[in-house]
Amino acid sequence: MSREPMPDPFAGQPDWAPRPPRPIVPVAAANVDDLRGRRLIVGFPGAGWRGDLRADDRIVQGSRTYVPAIPEQEWYRAESEQVEVFAPLVPVERVWVETFGGSSGVGATGHRDVISRLVSLDFPAIRLPVPAVDVDAVSGRRIVQVVDGVERRDLRAVTEVHTNAEGDICVRLATELEWYRWAWSGQAPKTLEVPVHLLWIE
């Protein structure tokens, strides 16, 4: 009988749970070339930030550069129905673009102490993904689905976590276009039931 150790058949294989999606890292809009359709964060250093906005192409008036900041629901309606919508012009220095950072490694699981959550008020904070299973309420939240290492974004949770007919713990999702169309037309969204362990709050 050989005394050689038995090889581990699972060595080098990923764990059963998918790796977290990339975090959202704000970048100053002045440093981003193509803004149209990008997710925006606007605000004032030291005062606060607002998200759920989309950009149109920047506008130069005199010596100032502005970014049209459209509420996401209006942006989706304009793109879907080819209509004009109102877009406030925000000075470019008060606009950041949501970009994706490198691999987040371990996600923001569990509750972190308040000291580890402190951020600077000089610019919008990096947003780490949080497993949907660790969040009390998911309905309406921005969701990332991770399947075989591929991130599916621009999704919204339509339900809370529930057990389906097969006994799986799931959340029903809709694309953001379907989610927002529900608001402006009353048309119920097409949804997909996805196991909760594949979902992260963006």
C-alpha atoms as a PDB file:
ATOM      1  CA  MET A   1       0.000   0.000   0.000  1.00  0.00           C
ATOM      2  CA  SER A   2       1.397   3.406  -1.017  1.00  0.00           C
ATOM      3  CA  ARG A   3       2.066   5.982   1.660  1.00  0.00           C
ATOM      4  CA  GLU A   4       1.652   8.794  -0.853  1.00  0.00           C
ATOM      5  CA  PRO A   5      -1.148  11.212   0.177  1.00  0.00           C
ATOM      6  CA  MET A   6      -4.332  10.944  -1.838  1.00  0.00           C
ATOM      7  CA  PRO A   7      -4.713  13.870  -4.256  1.00  0.00           C
ATOM      8  CA  ASP A   8      -7.533  16.278  -3.479  1.00  0.00           C
ATOM      9  CA  PRO A   9     -10.016  16.008  -6.380  1.00  0.00           C
ATOM     10  CA  PHE A  10     -11.361  19.477  -5.560  1.00  0.00           C
ATOM     11  CA  ALA A  11      -7.990  21.267  -5.378  1.00  0.00           C
ATOM     12  CA  GLY A  12      -7.942  24.365  -7.569  1.00  0.00           C
ATOM     13  CA  GLN A  13     -11.723  24.335  -8.035  1.00  0.00           C
ATOM     14  CA  PRO A  14     -13.792  27.346  -6.977  1.00  0.00           C
ATOM     15  CA  ASP A  15     -15.983  27.090  -3.906  1.00  0.00           C
ATOM     16  CA  TRP A  16     -19.682  26.327  -4.451  1.00  0.00           C
ATOM     17  CA  ALA A  17     -20.529  29.987  -3.956  1.00  0.00           C
ATOM     18  CA  PRO A  18     -19.611  32.442  -6.731  1.00  0.00           C
ATOM     19  CA  ARG A  19     -16.973  35.077  -6.108  1.00  0.00           C
ATOM     20  CA  PRO A  20     -18.365  38.548  -5.388  1.00  0.00           C
ATOM     21  CA  PRO A  21     -18.852  40.990  -8.265  1.00  0.00           C
ATOM     22  CA  ARG A  22     -16.578  43.981  -8.650  1.00  0.00           C
ATOM     23  CA  PRO A  23     -17.229  46.985  -6.405  1.00  0.00           C
ATOM     24  CA  ILE A  24     -18.464  50.326  -7.730  1.00  0.00           C
ATOM     25  CA  VAL A  25     -15.683  52.902  -7.776  1.00  0.00           C
ATOM     26  CA  PRO A  26     -16.633  56.544  -8.495  1.00  0.00           C
ATOM     27  CA  VAL A  27     -14.379  58.387 -10.974  1.00  0.00           C
ATOM     28  CA  ALA A  28     -14.523  62.139 -11.642  1.00  0.00           C
ATOM     29  CA  ALA A  29     -16.566  62.733 -14.826  1.00  0.00           C
ATOM     30  CA  ALA A  30     -13.857  65.070 -16.132  1.00  0.00           C
ATOM     31  CA  ASN A  31     -11.610  61.974 -16.421  1.00  0.00           C
ATOM     32  CA  VAL A  32     -14.115  59.886 -18.417  1.00  0.00           C
ATOM     33  CA  ASP A  33     -14.285  60.320 -22.194  1.00  0.00           C
ATOM     34  CA  ASP A  34     -17.677  58.865 -23.161  1.00  0.00           C
ATOM     35  CA  LEU A  35     -20.399  59.776 -20.656  1.00  0.00           C
ATOM     36  CA  ARG A  36     -23.610  58.970 -22.545  1.00  0.00           C
ATOM     37  CA  GLY A  37     -25.689  56.375 -20.675  1.00  0.00           C
ATOM     38  CA  ARG A  38     -23.233  56.015 -17.801  1.00  0.00           C
ATOM     39  CA  ARG A  39     -24.462  55.881 -14.199  1.00  0.00           C
ATOM     40  CA  LEU A  40     -23.747  59.105 -12.338  1.00  0.00           C
ATOM     41  CA  ILE A  41     -23.306  60.315  -8.797  1.00  0.00           C
ATOM     42  CA  VAL A  42     -23.693  64.068  -8.265  1.00  0.00           C
ATOM     43  CA  GLY A  43     -23.190  66.198  -5.207  1.00  0.00           C
ATOM     44  CA  PHE A  44     -21.051  68.484  -3.146  1.00  0.00           C
ATOM     45  CA  PRO A  45     -17.958  67.405  -1.216  1.00  0.00           C
ATOM     46  CA  GLY A  46     -18.756  67.665   2.473  1.00  0.00           C
ATOM     47  CA  ALA A  47     -22.510  67.865   1.850  1.00  0.00           C
ATOM     48  CA  GLY A  48     -23.788  64.664   0.219  1.00  0.00           C
ATOM     49  CA  TRP A  49     -24.387  62.593  -2.913  1.00  0.00           C
ATOM     50  CA  ARG A  50     -27.223  61.495  -5.144  1.00  0.00           C
ATOM     51  CA  GLY A  51     -27.224  58.484  -7.477  1.00  0.00           C
ATOM     52  CA  ASP A  52     -29.695  56.654  -9.742  1.00  0.00           C
ATOM     53  CA  LEU A  53     -28.887  59.115 -12.532  1.00  0.00           C
ATOM     54  CA  ARG A  54     -27.681  58.609 -16.104  1.00  0.00           C
ATOM     55  CA  ALA A  55     -25.569  60.926 -18.241  1.00  0.00           C
ATOM     56  CA  ASP A  56     -26.070  62.382 -21.662  1.00  0.00           C
ATOM     57  CA  ASP A  57     -23.185  63.867 -23.687  1.00  0.00           C
ATOM     58  CA  ARG A  58     -21.392  66.726 -21.936  1.00  0.00           C
ATOM     59  CA  ILE A  59     -22.224  70.301 -22.957  1.00  0.00           C
ATOM     60  CA  VAL A  60     -19.802  73.230 -23.067  1.00  0.00           C
ATOM     61  CA  GLN A  61     -21.254  76.710 -22.515  1.00  0.00           C
ATOM     62  CA  GLY A  62     -18.686  79.479 -22.579  1.00  0.00           C
ATOM     63  CA  SER A  63     -15.813  78.288 -20.411  1.00  0.00           C
ATOM     64  CA  ARG A  64     -17.924  75.861 -18.316  1.00  0.00           C
ATOM     65  CA  THR A  65     -18.556  72.168 -18.952  1.00  0.00           C
ATOM     66  CA  TYR A  66     -21.823  70.583 -17.823  1.00  0.00           C
ATOM     67  CA  VAL A  67     -23.155  67.048 -17.680  1.00  0.00           C
ATOM     68  CA  PRO A  68     -26.881  66.447 -18.305  1.00  0.00           C
ATOM     69  CA  ALA A  69     -27.946  64.277 -15.331  1.00  0.00           C
ATOM     70  CA  ILE A  70     -31.172  62.383 -16.078  1.00  0.00           C
ATOM     71  CA  PRO A  71     -33.095  60.436 -13.410  1.00  0.00           C
ATOM     72  CA  GLU A  72     -32.789  56.772 -14.405  1.00  0.00           C
ATOM     73  CA  GLN A  73     -36.511  56.248 -14.903  1.00  0.00           C
ATOM     74  CA  GLU A  74     -36.621  59.152 -17.366  1.00  0.00           C
ATOM     75  CA  TRP A  75     -33.464  57.968 -19.134  1.00  0.00           C
ATOM     76  CA  TYR A  76     -34.957  54.499 -19.687  1.00  0.00           C
ATOM     77  CA  ARG A  77     -38.232  56.043 -20.885  1.00  0.00           C
ATOM     78  CA  ALA A  78     -36.395  58.315 -23.327  1.00  0.00           C
ATOM     79  CA  GLU A  79     -34.314  55.424 -24.698  1.00  0.00           C
ATOM     80  CA  SER A  80     -37.255  53.000 -24.913  1.00  0.00           C
ATOM     81  CA  GLU A  81     -39.923  55.326 -26.300  1.00  0.00           C
ATOM     82  CA  GLN A  82     -37.661  57.809 -28.133  1.00  0.00           C
ATOM     83  CA  VAL A  83     -39.043  60.854 -26.299  1.00  0.00           C
ATOM     84  CA  GLU A  84     -37.380  64.024 -25.059  1.00  0.00           C
ATOM     85  CA  VAL A  85     -36.910  64.325 -21.300  1.00  0.00           C
ATOM     86  CA  PHE A  86     -35.739  67.135 -19.030  1.00  0.00           C
ATOM     87  CA  ALA A  87     -32.085  66.897 -17.933  1.00  0.00           C
ATOM     88  CA  PRO A  88     -30.635  69.348 -15.407  1.00  0.00           C
ATOM     89  CA  LEU A  89     -27.117  70.501 -16.297  1.00  0.00           C
ATOM     90  CA  VAL A  90     -24.633  69.801 -13.509  1.00  0.00           C
ATOM     91  CA  PRO A  91     -21.140  71.353 -13.529  1.00  0.00           C
ATOM     92  CA  VAL A  92     -18.668  68.599 -14.457  1.00  0.00           C
ATOM     93  CA  GLU A  93     -16.665  69.131 -11.266  1.00  0.00           C
ATOM     94  CA  ARG A  94     -19.689  67.975  -9.231  1.00  0.00           C
ATOM     95  CA  VAL A  95     -20.195  64.750 -11.208  1.00  0.00           C
ATOM     96  CA  TRP A  96     -18.684  61.296 -10.733  1.00  0.00           C
ATOM     97  CA  VAL A  97     -19.175  58.230 -12.932  1.00  0.00           C
ATOM     98  CA  GLU A  98     -19.770  54.766 -11.498  1.00  0.00           C
ATOM     99  CA  THR A  99     -17.028  52.429 -12.732  1.00  0.00           C
ATOM    100  CA  PHE A 100     -16.139  48.899 -11.709  1.00  0.00           C
ATOM    101  CA  GLY A 101     -13.065  48.281  -9.591  1.00  0.00           C
ATOM    102  CA  GLY A 102     -10.919  45.184  -9.590  1.00  0.00           C
ATOM    103  CA  SER A 103     -12.074  41.951  -8.012  1.00  0.00           C
ATOM    104  CA  SER A 104     -13.637  42.667  -4.653  1.00  0.00           C
ATOM    105  CA  GLY A 105     -12.239  39.438  -3.207  1.00  0.00           C
ATOM    106  CA  VAL A 106     -14.298  38.821  -0.123  1.00  0.00           C
ATOM    107  CA  GLY A 107     -17.572  40.706  -0.196  1.00  0.00           C
ATOM    108  CA  ALA A 108     -18.984  42.848   2.551  1.00  0.00           C
ATOM    109  CA  THR A 109     -20.482  39.919   4.401  1.00  0.00           C
ATOM    110  CA  GLY A 110     -21.979  40.309   7.824  1.00  0.00           C
ATOM    111  CA  HIS A 111     -22.063  43.516   9.817  1.00  0.00           C
ATOM    112  CA  ARG A 112     -18.915  45.618   9.910  1.00  0.00           C
ATOM    113  CA  ASP A 113     -18.197  47.854  12.849  1.00  0.00           C
ATOM    114  CA  VAL A 114     -18.842  51.567  12.456  1.00  0.00           C
ATOM    115  CA  ILE A 115     -15.132  52.498  12.420  1.00  0.00           C
ATOM    116  CA  SER A 116     -14.436  50.282   9.376  1.00  0.00           C
ATOM    117  CA  ARG A 117     -17.355  51.971   7.539  1.00  0.00           C
ATOM    118  CA  LEU A 118     -16.087  55.555   7.900  1.00  0.00           C
ATOM    119  CA  VAL A 119     -15.469  57.362   4.589  1.00  0.00           C
ATOM    120  CA  SER A 120     -14.166  60.714   3.399  1.00  0.00           C
ATOM    121  CA  LEU A 121     -16.775  63.319   2.452  1.00  0.00           C
ATOM    122  CA  ASP A 122     -14.499  64.709  -0.274  1.00  0.00           C
ATOM    123  CA  PHE A 123     -15.822  62.281  -2.916  1.00  0.00           C
ATOM    124  CA  PRO A 124     -18.428  59.515  -3.204  1.00  0.00           C
ATOM    125  CA  ALA A 125     -17.534  56.287  -1.406  1.00  0.00           C
ATOM    126  CA  ILE A 126     -16.640  52.983  -3.035  1.00  0.00           C
ATOM    127  CA  ARG A 127     -19.622  50.623  -2.835  1.00  0.00           C
ATOM    128  CA  LEU A 128     -18.763  47.031  -1.990  1.00  0.00           C
ATOM    129  CA  PRO A 129     -21.210  44.339  -3.109  1.00  0.00           C
ATOM    130  CA  VAL A 130     -23.234  42.712  -0.327  1.00  0.00           C
ATOM    131  CA  PRO A 131     -24.641  39.176  -0.632  1.00  0.00           C
ATOM    132  CA  ALA A 132     -28.426  39.400  -1.037  1.00  0.00           C
ATOM    133  CA  VAL A 133     -28.816  36.688   1.579  1.00  0.00           C
ATOM    134  CA  ASP A 134     -27.303  39.070   4.185  1.00  0.00           C
ATOM    135  CA  VAL A 135     -29.711  41.966   3.522  1.00  0.00           C
ATOM    136  CA  ASP A 136     -33.053  42.388   5.284  1.00  0.00           C
ATOM    137  CA  ALA A 137     -34.940  43.918   2.346  1.00  0.00           C
ATOM    138  CA  VAL A 138     -34.047  43.433  -1.330  1.00  0.00           C
ATOM    139  CA  SER A 139     -37.168  44.468  -3.242  1.00  0.00           C
ATOM    140  CA  GLY A 140     -36.383  47.406  -5.563  1.00  0.00           C
ATOM    141  CA  ARG A 141     -32.632  47.211  -4.937  1.00  0.00           C
ATOM    142  CA  ARG A 142     -30.010  47.126  -7.691  1.00  0.00           C
ATOM    143  CA  ILE A 143     -28.859  43.532  -8.071  1.00  0.00           C
ATOM    144  CA  VAL A 144     -25.864  41.782  -9.625  1.00  0.00           C
ATOM    145  CA  GLN A 145     -26.302  38.136 -10.626  1.00  0.00           C
ATOM    146  CA  VAL A 146     -23.064  36.153 -10.843  1.00  0.00           C
ATOM    147  CA  VAL A 147     -23.138  32.997 -12.992  1.00  0.00           C
ATOM    148  CA  ASP A 148     -19.917  31.110 -13.795  1.00  0.00           C
ATOM    149  CA  GLY A 149     -17.902  34.216 -12.904  1.00  0.00           C
ATOM    150  CA  VAL A 150     -19.913  36.461 -15.277  1.00  0.00           C
ATOM    151  CA  GLU A 151     -21.699  39.505 -13.808  1.00  0.00           C
ATOM    152  CA  ARG A 152     -25.204  40.391 -15.003  1.00  0.00           C
ATOM    153  CA  ARG A 153     -26.007  43.965 -13.989  1.00  0.00           C
ATOM    154  CA  ASP A 154     -28.834  46.476 -14.596  1.00  0.00           C
ATOM    155  CA  LEU A 155     -31.249  44.230 -12.687  1.00  0.00           C
ATOM    156  CA  ARG A 156     -33.736  45.035  -9.920  1.00  0.00           C
ATOM    157  CA  ALA A 157     -35.220  42.736  -7.283  1.00  0.00           C
ATOM    158  CA  VAL A 158     -38.993  42.563  -7.687  1.00  0.00           C
ATOM    159  CA  THR A 159     -39.656  40.388  -4.612  1.00  0.00           C
ATOM    160  CA  GLU A 160     -38.125  39.705  -1.255  1.00  0.00           C
ATOM    161  CA  VAL A 161     -36.324  36.436  -0.553  1.00  0.00           C
ATOM    162  CA  HIS A 162     -38.825  33.558  -0.645  1.00  0.00           C
ATOM    163  CA  THR A 163     -39.095  29.789  -1.068  1.00  0.00           C
ATOM    164  CA  ASN A 164     -40.334  28.626  -4.474  1.00  0.00           C
ATOM    165  CA  ALA A 165     -42.448  25.546  -5.275  1.00  0.00           C
ATOM    166  CA  GLU A 166     -39.322  23.334  -5.402  1.00  0.00           C
ATOM    167  CA  GLY A 167     -38.160  24.530  -1.984  1.00  0.00           C
ATOM    168  CA  ASP A 168     -35.315  26.701  -3.337  1.00  0.00           C
ATOM    169  CA  ILE A 169     -34.629  30.072  -1.696  1.00  0.00           C
ATOM    170  CA  CYS A 170     -34.972  32.659  -4.469  1.00  0.00           C
ATOM    171  CA  VAL A 171     -35.599  36.258  -5.487  1.00  0.00           C
ATOM    172  CA  ARG A 172     -37.523  37.326  -8.605  1.00  0.00           C
ATOM    173  CA  LEU A 173     -35.617  39.800 -10.807  1.00  0.00           C
ATOM    174  CA  ALA A 174     -36.493  42.138 -13.657  1.00  0.00           C
ATOM    175  CA  THR A 175     -34.255  44.101 -15.976  1.00  0.00           C
ATOM    176  CA  GLU A 176     -34.079  47.772 -15.064  1.00  0.00           C
ATOM    177  CA  LEU A 177     -35.926  48.675 -18.263  1.00  0.00           C
ATOM    178  CA  GLU A 178     -38.817  46.395 -17.221  1.00  0.00           C
ATOM    179  CA  TRP A 179     -38.651  47.740 -13.634  1.00  0.00           C
ATOM    180  CA  TYR A 180     -38.944  51.367 -14.730  1.00  0.00           C
ATOM    181  CA  ARG A 181     -41.508  50.638 -17.467  1.00  0.00           C
ATOM    182  CA  TRP A 182     -43.688  49.214 -14.660  1.00  0.00           C
ATOM    183  CA  ALA A 183     -43.634  52.687 -13.052  1.00  0.00           C
ATOM    184  CA  TRP A 184     -44.450  54.779 -16.138  1.00  0.00           C
ATOM    185  CA  SER A 185     -46.876  52.393 -17.882  1.00  0.00           C
ATOM    186  CA  GLY A 186     -48.302  50.170 -15.144  1.00  0.00           C
ATOM    187  CA  GLN A 187     -47.278  47.138 -17.219  1.00  0.00           C
ATOM    188  CA  ALA A 188     -46.090  44.356 -14.884  1.00  0.00           C
ATOM    189  CA  PRO A 189     -42.471  43.367 -15.578  1.00  0.00           C
ATOM    190  CA  LYS A 190     -41.277  40.054 -16.951  1.00  0.00           C
ATOM    191  CA  THR A 191     -39.357  38.406 -14.127  1.00  0.00           C
ATOM    192  CA  LEU A 192     -36.921  35.575 -13.592  1.00  0.00           C
ATOM    193  CA  GLU A 193     -36.584  33.559 -10.391  1.00  0.00           C
ATOM    194  CA  VAL A 194     -32.925  33.244  -9.330  1.00  0.00           C
ATOM    195  CA  PRO A 195     -31.372  31.397  -6.350  1.00  0.00           C
ATOM    196  CA  VAL A 196     -30.404  33.932  -3.694  1.00  0.00           C
ATOM    197  CA  HIS A 197     -26.817  32.651  -3.367  1.00  0.00           C
ATOM    198  CA  LEU A 198     -26.113  33.959  -6.906  1.00  0.00           C
ATOM    199  CA  LEU A 199     -27.237  37.504  -6.083  1.00  0.00           C
ATOM    200  CA  TRP A 200     -25.495  40.553  -4.658  1.00  0.00           C
ATOM    201  CA  ILE A 201     -26.767  44.020  -3.773  1.00  0.00           C
ATOM    202  CA  GLU A 202     -24.887  46.529  -5.922  1.00  0.00           C
END
